[in-house]
Amino acid sequence: MISYTLKRLAIAIPTLLVLIVVSYVLMYMAPGGPFTSEREVPPAVLANLNAKYGLDQPLWRQIVVYVWNIVSGFDFGPSFVYKDRTVNEIIAQGFPITLTYGLLSFLVAVVVGVSLGVAAAVRHNSALDYAAVGVSIGAQVLPNFVMAPILVLIFTLWLGWLPGGGWQGPEYLIMPVIALSTSFMASIARITRSSMLEVLTQNHIRTARAKGLPERRVILRHALKPAMLPVISYLGPAFVGMITGSVVIDIYFSTGGIGKAFVDSALNRDYAVMMGVTILMGALTILFNLVVDILYGWIDPKIRY
C-alpha cells in the first residue's frame, strides 16, 4: 500500500507543475494585459509597471521565477490591482470560508446520499424505495444556481427563518450547504442504490444470510464495502463540481469566499489573483483525487498498479 501511495504521489506532483505552467501560458496569451484599461497609459509608466512585476522578462523566465516562488515560499506574488495586498492575503481572507461550507457540503452529500441509497436498496420496491428514487431524481435536476434562489424565497422571504446572505454565524452556513450539496447528494444516492442492489444478489451475501447472520451485519460488514467502489469513483468529480460550484454560491449568498475574488480578478484582469486561485483549486482537486485513489486501492487491492 505504501508503494502504491508513493506512485500516486509521484504522478500528482508533475500534474500540479503542468497545471501551473499551462495556466501561466494561457494567462500570458490572453488578449489585453493586467495594466490595460480604457484610459491610455503612457508608455514609460507601462514599462515601469511591467518591470516592477517582472512582466518584461521572457516567458520562460517568468514561469521559472513564479514556480520557484511557490515551491520555495508558497508565494503567489502581489496583486496587480490591489497595490497594498498580496495574492496570499486575498486567498487567506476568502479561502477559509469557501473551504468551510465546501467540506460541509461534501460531508452532507456523502452521508445523506449513501444512507438514502442503502435504505432504498434494502427496502427495494417498497414505499421508502419509491420515495428515495423520487427525491433523488427531483434533487438531481436542481443545480446550485437554481436551488439558491428557491431557498432564499422560501426560508428568507416567506418564512423569515434564515438570513439571505452574509457570513456572521452558523445560521449563514445552512442555505449555502444545502444549495451546493443537493444535486450531488442525489447522484450519490442513486449510485449507492444501484450498486447495493447488485451486491445484495451476489453469492457471498446469500451465504452470509444462510449462516443466520443478522441482516444489519450482512449489510454493514459484507455488502456495504464492495458497494462503495462506484461511489468512491464518483467522489472525485463530485468534489471538483463542488469546488467550481462554490463560485456561484459565494456570489449569490455574498459569503466573502474565494469565488468572489476569482470573479473580481477576471473582471479586473488581475492575473496574479486568477493564477493563485486556479492553482489552489487545482491542487485541492489533485489532492482529493489522490485520496480517492488511495482509498479505492485500500478497499479493492486488485486495482493497485
C-alpha atoms as a PDB file:
ATOM      1  CA  MET A   1       0.000   0.000   0.000  1.00  0.00           C
ATOM      2  CA  ILE A   2       2.918   2.367   0.734  1.00  0.00           C
ATOM      3  CA  SER A   3       4.401   1.682  -2.718  1.00  0.00           C
ATOM      4  CA  TYR A   4       1.031   2.359  -4.347  1.00  0.00           C
ATOM      5  CA  THR A   5       0.656   5.620  -2.414  1.00  0.00           C
ATOM      6  CA  LEU A   6       4.146   6.792  -3.423  1.00  0.00           C
ATOM      7  CA  LYS A   7       3.411   6.017  -7.079  1.00  0.00           C
ATOM      8  CA  ARG A   8       0.199   8.041  -6.992  1.00  0.00           C
ATOM      9  CA  LEU A   9       2.036  10.897  -5.255  1.00  0.00           C
ATOM     10  CA  ALA A  10       4.764  10.777  -7.933  1.00  0.00           C
ATOM     11  CA  ILE A  11       2.061  11.326 -10.559  1.00  0.00           C
ATOM     12  CA  ALA A  12       0.305  14.098  -8.617  1.00  0.00           C
ATOM     13  CA  ILE A  13       3.350  16.401  -8.277  1.00  0.00           C
ATOM     14  CA  PRO A  14       4.170  16.640 -12.033  1.00  0.00           C
ATOM     15  CA  THR A  15       0.468  17.080 -12.728  1.00  0.00           C
ATOM     16  CA  LEU A  16       0.407  20.142 -10.483  1.00  0.00           C
ATOM     17  CA  LEU A  17       3.504  21.570 -12.174  1.00  0.00           C
ATOM     18  CA  VAL A  18       1.917  21.081 -15.597  1.00  0.00           C
ATOM     19  CA  LEU A  19      -1.211  22.856 -14.342  1.00  0.00           C
ATOM     20  CA  ILE A  20       0.867  25.841 -13.184  1.00  0.00           C
ATOM     21  CA  VAL A  21       2.803  26.109 -16.453  1.00  0.00           C
ATOM     22  CA  VAL A  22      -0.252  25.709 -18.699  1.00  0.00           C
ATOM     23  CA  SER A  23      -2.266  28.222 -16.650  1.00  0.00           C
ATOM     24  CA  TYR A  24       0.556  30.747 -16.802  1.00  0.00           C
ATOM     25  CA  VAL A  25       0.965  30.351 -20.568  1.00  0.00           C
ATOM     26  CA  LEU A  26      -2.781  30.769 -21.121  1.00  0.00           C
ATOM     27  CA  MET A  27      -2.789  33.922 -18.978  1.00  0.00           C
ATOM     28  CA  TYR A  28       0.190  35.237 -20.948  1.00  0.00           C
ATOM     29  CA  MET A  29      -1.571  34.594 -24.269  1.00  0.00           C
ATOM     30  CA  ALA A  30      -4.869  36.168 -23.171  1.00  0.00           C
ATOM     31  CA  PRO A  31      -5.742  39.386 -25.034  1.00  0.00           C
ATOM     32  CA  GLY A  32      -5.034  42.608 -23.199  1.00  0.00           C
ATOM     33  CA  GLY A  33      -2.848  42.928 -20.157  1.00  0.00           C
ATOM     34  CA  PRO A  34      -3.158  43.473 -16.416  1.00  0.00           C
ATOM     35  CA  PHE A  35      -2.458  47.200 -16.855  1.00  0.00           C
ATOM     36  CA  THR A  36      -4.629  47.687 -19.923  1.00  0.00           C
ATOM     37  CA  SER A  37      -7.555  49.984 -19.221  1.00  0.00           C
ATOM     38  CA  GLU A  38      -9.894  52.349 -21.008  1.00  0.00           C
ATOM     39  CA  ARG A  39      -7.532  55.202 -20.229  1.00  0.00           C
ATOM     40  CA  GLU A  40      -4.327  55.097 -22.231  1.00  0.00           C
ATOM     41  CA  VAL A  41      -1.277  54.582 -20.028  1.00  0.00           C
ATOM     42  CA  PRO A  42       1.907  56.452 -21.013  1.00  0.00           C
ATOM     43  CA  PRO A  43       4.497  54.034 -22.440  1.00  0.00           C
ATOM     44  CA  ALA A  44       7.046  54.968 -19.773  1.00  0.00           C
ATOM     45  CA  VAL A  45       4.596  54.217 -16.960  1.00  0.00           C
ATOM     46  CA  LEU A  46       3.576  50.925 -18.593  1.00  0.00           C
ATOM     47  CA  ALA A  47       7.240  49.937 -18.946  1.00  0.00           C
ATOM     48  CA  ASN A  48       7.858  50.692 -15.276  1.00  0.00           C
ATOM     49  CA  LEU A  49       4.847  48.637 -14.202  1.00  0.00           C
ATOM     50  CA  ASN A  50       5.900  45.668 -16.334  1.00  0.00           C
ATOM     51  CA  ALA A  51       9.421  45.891 -14.912  1.00  0.00           C
ATOM     52  CA  LYS A  52       8.116  46.076 -11.336  1.00  0.00           C
ATOM     53  CA  TYR A  53       6.103  42.859 -11.700  1.00  0.00           C
ATOM     54  CA  GLY A  54       8.678  41.068 -13.871  1.00  0.00           C
ATOM     55  CA  LEU A  55       6.413  41.072 -16.919  1.00  0.00           C
ATOM     56  CA  ASP A  56       9.166  42.479 -19.131  1.00  0.00           C
ATOM     57  CA  GLN A  57      11.137  39.248 -18.782  1.00  0.00           C
ATOM     58  CA  PRO A  58      10.963  36.369 -21.301  1.00  0.00           C
ATOM     59  CA  LEU A  59       8.070  33.989 -20.757  1.00  0.00           C
ATOM     60  CA  TRP A  60      10.253  31.068 -19.678  1.00  0.00           C
ATOM     61  CA  ARG A  61      11.999  33.204 -17.054  1.00  0.00           C
ATOM     62  CA  GLN A  62       8.663  34.464 -15.687  1.00  0.00           C
ATOM     63  CA  ILE A  63       7.440  30.885 -15.334  1.00  0.00           C
ATOM     64  CA  VAL A  64      10.635  29.686 -13.621  1.00  0.00           C
ATOM     65  CA  VAL A  65      10.543  32.567 -11.110  1.00  0.00           C
ATOM     66  CA  TYR A  66       6.820  32.080 -10.486  1.00  0.00           C
ATOM     67  CA  VAL A  67       7.152  28.321  -9.889  1.00  0.00           C
ATOM     68  CA  TRP A  68      10.225  28.792  -7.697  1.00  0.00           C
ATOM     69  CA  ASN A  69       8.449  31.375  -5.504  1.00  0.00           C
ATOM     70  CA  ILE A  70       5.563  28.948  -4.987  1.00  0.00           C
ATOM     71  CA  VAL A  71       7.766  25.926  -4.295  1.00  0.00           C
ATOM     72  CA  SER A  72      10.240  27.739  -2.024  1.00  0.00           C
ATOM     73  CA  GLY A  73       7.902  30.005  -0.077  1.00  0.00           C
ATOM     74  CA  PHE A  74       4.302  29.387  -1.172  1.00  0.00           C
ATOM     75  CA  ASP A  75       4.369  32.936  -2.540  1.00  0.00           C
ATOM     76  CA  PHE A  76       1.892  33.810  -5.306  1.00  0.00           C
ATOM     77  CA  GLY A  77       3.203  37.354  -5.619  1.00  0.00           C
ATOM     78  CA  PRO A  78       1.485  40.742  -5.394  1.00  0.00           C
ATOM     79  CA  SER A  79      -1.950  41.573  -6.767  1.00  0.00           C
ATOM     80  CA  PHE A  80      -1.871  43.621  -9.977  1.00  0.00           C
ATOM     81  CA  VAL A  81      -4.942  45.630  -8.967  1.00  0.00           C
ATOM     82  CA  TYR A  82      -4.836  45.979  -5.164  1.00  0.00           C
ATOM     83  CA  LYS A  83      -1.484  47.685  -4.726  1.00  0.00           C
ATOM     84  CA  ASP A  84      -1.236  47.110  -0.995  1.00  0.00           C
ATOM     85  CA  ARG A  85      -2.272  43.438  -0.962  1.00  0.00           C
ATOM     86  CA  THR A  86      -0.664  40.172  -1.980  1.00  0.00           C
ATOM     87  CA  VAL A  87      -2.392  37.194  -3.563  1.00  0.00           C
ATOM     88  CA  ASN A  88      -1.644  35.203  -0.417  1.00  0.00           C
ATOM     89  CA  GLU A  89      -3.563  37.748   1.686  1.00  0.00           C
ATOM     90  CA  ILE A  90      -6.572  37.679  -0.649  1.00  0.00           C
ATOM     91  CA  ILE A  91      -6.641  33.878  -0.618  1.00  0.00           C
ATOM     92  CA  ALA A  92      -6.181  33.748   3.162  1.00  0.00           C
ATOM     93  CA  GLN A  93      -9.212  36.011   3.608  1.00  0.00           C
ATOM     94  CA  GLY A  94     -11.670  34.133   1.385  1.00  0.00           C
ATOM     95  CA  PHE A  95     -10.462  30.564   1.217  1.00  0.00           C
ATOM     96  CA  PRO A  96     -11.362  29.508   4.812  1.00  0.00           C
ATOM     97  CA  ILE A  97     -14.987  30.489   4.125  1.00  0.00           C
ATOM     98  CA  THR A  98     -15.173  28.557   0.863  1.00  0.00           C
ATOM     99  CA  LEU A  99     -13.403  25.570   2.406  1.00  0.00           C
ATOM    100  CA  THR A 100     -15.764  25.521   5.403  1.00  0.00           C
ATOM    101  CA  TYR A 101     -19.031  25.239   3.520  1.00  0.00           C
ATOM    102  CA  GLY A 102     -17.413  23.219   0.710  1.00  0.00           C
ATOM    103  CA  LEU A 103     -16.298  20.464   3.076  1.00  0.00           C
ATOM    104  CA  LEU A 104     -19.613  20.600   4.959  1.00  0.00           C
ATOM    105  CA  SER A 105     -21.485  20.267   1.653  1.00  0.00           C
ATOM    106  CA  PHE A 106     -19.338  17.316   0.679  1.00  0.00           C
ATOM    107  CA  LEU A 107     -19.893  15.638   4.055  1.00  0.00           C
ATOM    108  CA  VAL A 108     -23.654  16.189   3.892  1.00  0.00           C
ATOM    109  CA  ALA A 109     -23.836  14.891   0.313  1.00  0.00           C
ATOM    110  CA  VAL A 110     -21.907  11.705   1.162  1.00  0.00           C
ATOM    111  CA  VAL A 111     -23.619  10.886   4.471  1.00  0.00           C
ATOM    112  CA  VAL A 112     -27.187  11.628   3.328  1.00  0.00           C
ATOM    113  CA  GLY A 113     -26.666  10.200  -0.177  1.00  0.00           C
ATOM    114  CA  VAL A 114     -25.156   6.901   0.999  1.00  0.00           C
ATOM    115  CA  SER A 115     -27.745   6.497   3.777  1.00  0.00           C
ATOM    116  CA  LEU A 116     -30.614   7.166   1.380  1.00  0.00           C
ATOM    117  CA  GLY A 117     -29.201   4.803  -1.250  1.00  0.00           C
ATOM    118  CA  VAL A 118     -28.620   1.956   1.215  1.00  0.00           C
ATOM    119  CA  ALA A 119     -32.091   2.353   2.738  1.00  0.00           C
ATOM    120  CA  ALA A 120     -33.703   2.316  -0.716  1.00  0.00           C
ATOM    121  CA  ALA A 121     -31.790  -0.817  -1.771  1.00  0.00           C
ATOM    122  CA  VAL A 122     -32.519  -2.701   1.448  1.00  0.00           C
ATOM    123  CA  ARG A 123     -36.229  -1.816   1.150  1.00  0.00           C
ATOM    124  CA  HIS A 124     -36.327  -2.463  -2.585  1.00  0.00           C
ATOM    125  CA  ASN A 125     -39.724  -1.904  -4.253  1.00  0.00           C
ATOM    126  CA  SER A 126     -41.193  -0.516  -1.041  1.00  0.00           C
ATOM    127  CA  ALA A 127     -42.709   2.924  -0.430  1.00  0.00           C
ATOM    128  CA  LEU A 128     -39.356   4.037   1.008  1.00  0.00           C
ATOM    129  CA  ASP A 129     -37.570   2.946  -2.176  1.00  0.00           C
ATOM    130  CA  TYR A 130     -40.015   4.804  -4.427  1.00  0.00           C
ATOM    131  CA  ALA A 131     -39.823   7.909  -2.233  1.00  0.00           C
ATOM    132  CA  ALA A 132     -35.996   7.847  -2.223  1.00  0.00           C
ATOM    133  CA  VAL A 133     -35.843   7.451  -6.001  1.00  0.00           C
ATOM    134  CA  GLY A 134     -38.346  10.259  -6.495  1.00  0.00           C
ATOM    135  CA  VAL A 135     -36.480  12.608  -4.166  1.00  0.00           C
ATOM    136  CA  SER A 136     -33.169  11.752  -5.847  1.00  0.00           C
ATOM    137  CA  ILE A 137     -34.472  12.412  -9.351  1.00  0.00           C
ATOM    138  CA  GLY A 138     -36.071  15.666  -8.264  1.00  0.00           C
ATOM    139  CA  ALA A 139     -32.962  16.868  -6.446  1.00  0.00           C
ATOM    140  CA  GLN A 140     -30.610  15.872  -9.268  1.00  0.00           C
ATOM    141  CA  VAL A 141     -32.210  18.281 -11.728  1.00  0.00           C
ATOM    142  CA  LEU A 142     -31.777  21.229  -9.359  1.00  0.00           C
ATOM    143  CA  PRO A 143     -28.283  22.711  -9.784  1.00  0.00           C
ATOM    144  CA  ASN A 144     -26.964  25.105  -7.181  1.00  0.00           C
ATOM    145  CA  PHE A 145     -27.841  28.259  -9.151  1.00  0.00           C
ATOM    146  CA  VAL A 146     -31.480  27.095  -9.165  1.00  0.00           C
ATOM    147  CA  MET A 147     -31.549  25.848  -5.574  1.00  0.00           C
ATOM    148  CA  ALA A 148     -30.091  29.074  -4.170  1.00  0.00           C
ATOM    149  CA  PRO A 149     -32.941  31.441  -5.174  1.00  0.00           C
ATOM    150  CA  ILE A 150     -35.552  28.825  -4.233  1.00  0.00           C
ATOM    151  CA  LEU A 151     -34.079  28.517  -0.734  1.00  0.00           C
ATOM    152  CA  VAL A 152     -33.900  32.289  -0.310  1.00  0.00           C
ATOM    153  CA  LEU A 153     -37.500  32.666  -1.491  1.00  0.00           C
ATOM    154  CA  ILE A 154     -38.810  30.060   0.978  1.00  0.00           C
ATOM    155  CA  PHE A 155     -36.634  30.416   4.077  1.00  0.00           C
ATOM    156  CA  THR A 156     -35.813  34.135   3.913  1.00  0.00           C
ATOM    157  CA  LEU A 157     -38.659  35.933   2.162  1.00  0.00           C
ATOM    158  CA  TRP A 158     -41.641  33.702   3.042  1.00  0.00           C
ATOM    159  CA  LEU A 159     -40.726  32.163   6.411  1.00  0.00           C
ATOM    160  CA  GLY A 160     -38.073  34.608   7.635  1.00  0.00           C
ATOM    161  CA  TRP A 161     -36.109  31.804   9.323  1.00  0.00           C
ATOM    162  CA  LEU A 162     -32.672  32.275   7.756  1.00  0.00           C
ATOM    163  CA  PRO A 163     -30.572  35.242   6.598  1.00  0.00           C
ATOM    164  CA  GLY A 164     -30.451  35.648   2.833  1.00  0.00           C
ATOM    165  CA  GLY A 165     -26.714  36.309   2.676  1.00  0.00           C
ATOM    166  CA  GLY A 166     -23.567  37.231   4.548  1.00  0.00           C
ATOM    167  CA  TRP A 167     -21.244  35.321   6.817  1.00  0.00           C
ATOM    168  CA  GLN A 168     -21.647  36.143  10.503  1.00  0.00           C
ATOM    169  CA  GLY A 169     -22.599  32.861  12.160  1.00  0.00           C
ATOM    170  CA  PRO A 170     -23.583  29.191  11.815  1.00  0.00           C
ATOM    171  CA  GLU A 171     -27.053  30.069  10.524  1.00  0.00           C
ATOM    172  CA  TYR A 172     -25.389  31.599   7.443  1.00  0.00           C
ATOM    173  CA  LEU A 173     -24.000  28.169   6.548  1.00  0.00           C
ATOM    174  CA  ILE A 174     -27.317  26.366   6.158  1.00  0.00           C
ATOM    175  CA  MET A 175     -28.559  27.566   2.763  1.00  0.00           C
ATOM    176  CA  PRO A 176     -25.141  27.581   1.004  1.00  0.00           C
ATOM    177  CA  VAL A 177     -24.538  23.991   2.178  1.00  0.00           C
ATOM    178  CA  ILE A 178     -27.980  22.820   1.048  1.00  0.00           C
ATOM    179  CA  ALA A 179     -27.707  24.590  -2.320  1.00  0.00           C
ATOM    180  CA  LEU A 180     -24.264  23.164  -3.020  1.00  0.00           C
ATOM    181  CA  SER A 181     -24.837  19.603  -1.811  1.00  0.00           C
ATOM    182  CA  THR A 182     -28.346  18.750  -3.063  1.00  0.00           C
ATOM    183  CA  SER A 183     -27.658  17.588  -6.633  1.00  0.00           C
ATOM    184  CA  PHE A 184     -24.503  15.692  -5.598  1.00  0.00           C
ATOM    185  CA  MET A 185     -26.375  14.032  -2.739  1.00  0.00           C
ATOM    186  CA  ALA A 186     -28.983  12.836  -5.218  1.00  0.00           C
ATOM    187  CA  SER A 187     -26.347  11.380  -7.561  1.00  0.00           C
ATOM    188  CA  ILE A 188     -24.597   9.590  -4.685  1.00  0.00           C
ATOM    189  CA  ALA A 189     -27.929   8.141  -3.515  1.00  0.00           C
ATOM    190  CA  ARG A 190     -28.733   6.761  -6.973  1.00  0.00           C
ATOM    191  CA  ILE A 191     -25.248   5.277  -7.446  1.00  0.00           C
ATOM    192  CA  THR A 192     -25.322   3.721  -3.969  1.00  0.00           C
ATOM    193  CA  ARG A 193     -28.761   2.215  -4.534  1.00  0.00           C
ATOM    194  CA  SER A 194     -27.803   0.631  -7.863  1.00  0.00           C
ATOM    195  CA  SER A 195     -24.511  -0.733  -6.564  1.00  0.00           C
ATOM    196  CA  MET A 196     -26.091  -2.029  -3.376  1.00  0.00           C
ATOM    197  CA  LEU A 197     -28.839  -3.848  -5.285  1.00  0.00           C
ATOM    198  CA  GLU A 198     -26.193  -5.595  -7.399  1.00  0.00           C
ATOM    199  CA  VAL A 199     -24.100  -6.616  -4.400  1.00  0.00           C
ATOM    200  CA  LEU A 200     -27.108  -7.943  -2.471  1.00  0.00           C
ATOM    201  CA  THR A 201     -27.721 -10.540  -5.206  1.00  0.00           C
ATOM    202  CA  GLN A 202     -24.195 -11.991  -5.057  1.00  0.00           C
ATOM    203  CA  ASN A 203     -23.345 -15.397  -3.641  1.00  0.00           C
ATOM    204  CA  HIS A 204     -21.378 -14.249  -0.596  1.00  0.00           C
ATOM    205  CA  ILE A 205     -24.421 -12.294   0.600  1.00  0.00           C
ATOM    206  CA  ARG A 206     -26.652 -15.361   0.194  1.00  0.00           C
ATOM    207  CA  THR A 207     -24.053 -17.401   2.110  1.00  0.00           C
ATOM    208  CA  ALA A 208     -23.929 -14.850   4.922  1.00  0.00           C
ATOM    209  CA  ARG A 209     -27.727 -14.885   5.209  1.00  0.00           C
ATOM    210  CA  ALA A 210     -27.793 -18.708   5.058  1.00  0.00           C
ATOM    211  CA  LYS A 211     -25.453 -18.781   8.068  1.00  0.00           C
ATOM    212  CA  GLY A 212     -28.099 -16.899  10.014  1.00  0.00           C
ATOM    213  CA  LEU A 213     -26.196 -13.623  10.396  1.00  0.00           C
ATOM    214  CA  PRO A 214     -28.326 -10.633  11.414  1.00  0.00           C
ATOM    215  CA  GLU A 215     -29.423  -8.535   8.428  1.00  0.00           C
ATOM    216  CA  ARG A 216     -27.736  -5.428   9.865  1.00  0.00           C
ATOM    217  CA  ARG A 217     -24.400  -7.286   9.995  1.00  0.00           C
ATOM    218  CA  VAL A 218     -24.854  -8.622   6.459  1.00  0.00           C
ATOM    219  CA  ILE A 219     -25.439  -5.100   5.162  1.00  0.00           C
ATOM    220  CA  LEU A 220     -22.740  -3.257   7.098  1.00  0.00           C
ATOM    221  CA  ARG A 221     -19.988  -5.889   7.063  1.00  0.00           C
ATOM    222  CA  HIS A 222     -20.442  -7.840   3.828  1.00  0.00           C
ATOM    223  CA  ALA A 223     -22.388  -5.638   1.390  1.00  0.00           C
ATOM    224  CA  LEU A 224     -21.540  -2.008   2.123  1.00  0.00           C
ATOM    225  CA  LYS A 225     -17.803  -2.118   1.440  1.00  0.00           C
ATOM    226  CA  PRO A 226     -17.925  -3.591  -2.110  1.00  0.00           C
ATOM    227  CA  ALA A 227     -20.968  -1.442  -2.895  1.00  0.00           C
ATOM    228  CA  MET A 228     -18.941   1.692  -2.132  1.00  0.00           C
ATOM    229  CA  LEU A 229     -16.492   1.254  -5.043  1.00  0.00           C
ATOM    230  CA  PRO A 230     -18.642   3.089  -7.671  1.00  0.00           C
ATOM    231  CA  VAL A 231     -19.493   5.743  -5.080  1.00  0.00           C
ATOM    232  CA  ILE A 232     -15.827   6.396  -4.323  1.00  0.00           C
ATOM    233  CA  SER A 233     -15.115   6.722  -8.041  1.00  0.00           C
ATOM    234  CA  TYR A 234     -17.773   9.433  -8.210  1.00  0.00           C
ATOM    235  CA  LEU A 235     -16.433  11.374  -5.205  1.00  0.00           C
ATOM    236  CA  GLY A 236     -13.513  12.847  -7.156  1.00  0.00           C
ATOM    237  CA  PRO A 237     -15.668  14.514  -9.859  1.00  0.00           C
ATOM    238  CA  ALA A 238     -18.205  15.448  -7.177  1.00  0.00           C
ATOM    239  CA  PHE A 239     -15.590  17.295  -5.167  1.00  0.00           C
ATOM    240  CA  VAL A 240     -14.396  19.118  -8.286  1.00  0.00           C
ATOM    241  CA  GLY A 241     -18.000  20.075  -9.050  1.00  0.00           C
ATOM    242  CA  MET A 242     -18.472  21.461  -5.546  1.00  0.00           C
ATOM    243  CA  ILE A 243     -15.272  23.490  -5.723  1.00  0.00           C
ATOM    244  CA  THR A 244     -16.213  25.043  -9.065  1.00  0.00           C
ATOM    245  CA  GLY A 245     -19.818  25.428  -7.955  1.00  0.00           C
ATOM    246  CA  SER A 246     -18.690  27.362  -4.901  1.00  0.00           C
ATOM    247  CA  VAL A 247     -18.050  30.366  -7.154  1.00  0.00           C
ATOM    248  CA  VAL A 248     -21.797  30.709  -7.776  1.00  0.00           C
ATOM    249  CA  ILE A 249     -22.615  30.191  -4.103  1.00  0.00           C
ATOM    250  CA  ASP A 250     -20.026  32.739  -2.979  1.00  0.00           C
ATOM    251  CA  ILE A 251     -21.522  35.394  -5.209  1.00  0.00           C
ATOM    252  CA  TYR A 252     -25.204  34.613  -4.654  1.00  0.00           C
ATOM    253  CA  PHE A 253     -25.021  34.460  -0.843  1.00  0.00           C
ATOM    254  CA  SER A 254     -22.316  37.158  -0.543  1.00  0.00           C
ATOM    255  CA  THR A 255     -20.255  34.882   1.683  1.00  0.00           C
ATOM    256  CA  GLY A 256     -16.981  36.690   1.009  1.00  0.00           C
ATOM    257  CA  GLY A 257     -15.399  33.428  -0.150  1.00  0.00           C
ATOM    258  CA  ILE A 258     -12.707  32.909  -2.736  1.00  0.00           C
ATOM    259  CA  GLY A 259     -15.221  32.647  -5.586  1.00  0.00           C
ATOM    260  CA  LYS A 260     -15.966  36.371  -5.450  1.00  0.00           C
ATOM    261  CA  ALA A 261     -12.236  37.144  -5.510  1.00  0.00           C
ATOM    262  CA  PHE A 262     -11.881  34.926  -8.585  1.00  0.00           C
ATOM    263  CA  VAL A 263     -14.696  36.640 -10.491  1.00  0.00           C
ATOM    264  CA  ASP A 264     -13.485  40.113  -9.490  1.00  0.00           C
ATOM    265  CA  SER A 265      -9.968  39.235 -10.629  1.00  0.00           C
ATOM    266  CA  ALA A 266     -11.281  38.058 -14.007  1.00  0.00           C
ATOM    267  CA  LEU A 267     -13.245  41.287 -14.493  1.00  0.00           C
ATOM    268  CA  ASN A 268     -10.285  43.442 -13.396  1.00  0.00           C
ATOM    269  CA  ARG A 269      -7.671  41.408 -15.309  1.00  0.00           C
ATOM    270  CA  ASP A 270      -5.858  40.740 -12.062  1.00  0.00           C
ATOM    271  CA  TYR A 271      -3.981  37.763 -13.495  1.00  0.00           C
ATOM    272  CA  ALA A 272      -1.976  37.190 -10.329  1.00  0.00           C
ATOM    273  CA  VAL A 273      -5.115  36.503  -8.270  1.00  0.00           C
ATOM    274  CA  MET A 274      -6.615  34.396 -11.078  1.00  0.00           C
ATOM    275  CA  MET A 275      -3.467  32.285 -11.179  1.00  0.00           C
ATOM    276  CA  GLY A 276      -3.368  31.904  -7.399  1.00  0.00           C
ATOM    277  CA  VAL A 277      -6.998  30.789  -7.130  1.00  0.00           C
ATOM    278  CA  THR A 278      -6.691  28.474 -10.158  1.00  0.00           C
ATOM    279  CA  ILE A 279      -3.606  26.768  -8.748  1.00  0.00           C
ATOM    280  CA  LEU A 280      -5.182  26.457  -5.312  1.00  0.00           C
ATOM    281  CA  MET A 281      -8.340  24.854  -6.730  1.00  0.00           C
ATOM    282  CA  GLY A 282      -6.257  22.599  -8.973  1.00  0.00           C
ATOM    283  CA  ALA A 283      -4.075  21.500  -6.050  1.00  0.00           C
ATOM    284  CA  LEU A 284      -7.152  20.678  -4.000  1.00  0.00           C
ATOM    285  CA  THR A 285      -8.614  18.675  -6.873  1.00  0.00           C
ATOM    286  CA  ILE A 286      -5.382  16.720  -7.383  1.00  0.00           C
ATOM    287  CA  LEU A 287      -5.053  16.115  -3.652  1.00  0.00           C
ATOM    288  CA  PHE A 288      -8.605  14.864  -3.319  1.00  0.00           C
ATOM    289  CA  ASN A 289      -8.304  12.571  -6.329  1.00  0.00           C
ATOM    290  CA  LEU A 290      -5.112  11.211  -4.768  1.00  0.00           C
ATOM    291  CA  VAL A 291      -7.006  10.458  -1.563  1.00  0.00           C
ATOM    292  CA  VAL A 292      -9.790   8.797  -3.578  1.00  0.00           C
ATOM    293  CA  ASP A 293      -7.262   6.646  -5.486  1.00  0.00           C
ATOM    294  CA  ILE A 294      -5.609   5.546  -2.234  1.00  0.00           C
ATOM    295  CA  LEU A 295      -8.983   4.810  -0.656  1.00  0.00           C
ATOM    296  CA  TYR A 296     -10.033   2.877  -3.759  1.00  0.00           C
ATOM    297  CA  GLY A 297      -6.839   0.808  -3.619  1.00  0.00           C
ATOM    298  CA  TRP A 298      -7.371   0.130   0.075  1.00  0.00           C
ATOM    299  CA  ILE A 299     -10.898  -1.176  -0.480  1.00  0.00           C
ATOM    300  CA  ASP A 300     -10.025  -3.243  -3.567  1.00  0.00           C
ATOM    301  CA  PRO A 301      -6.326  -4.311  -3.582  1.00  0.00           C
ATOM    302  CA  LYS A 302      -6.795  -5.844  -7.068  1.00  0.00           C
ATOM    303  CA  ILE A 303      -6.759  -2.423  -8.731  1.00  0.00           C
ATOM    304  CA  ARG A 304      -3.384  -1.336  -7.313  1.00  0.00           C
ATOM    305  CA  TYR A 305      -0.801  -0.882 -10.022  1.00  0.00           C
END
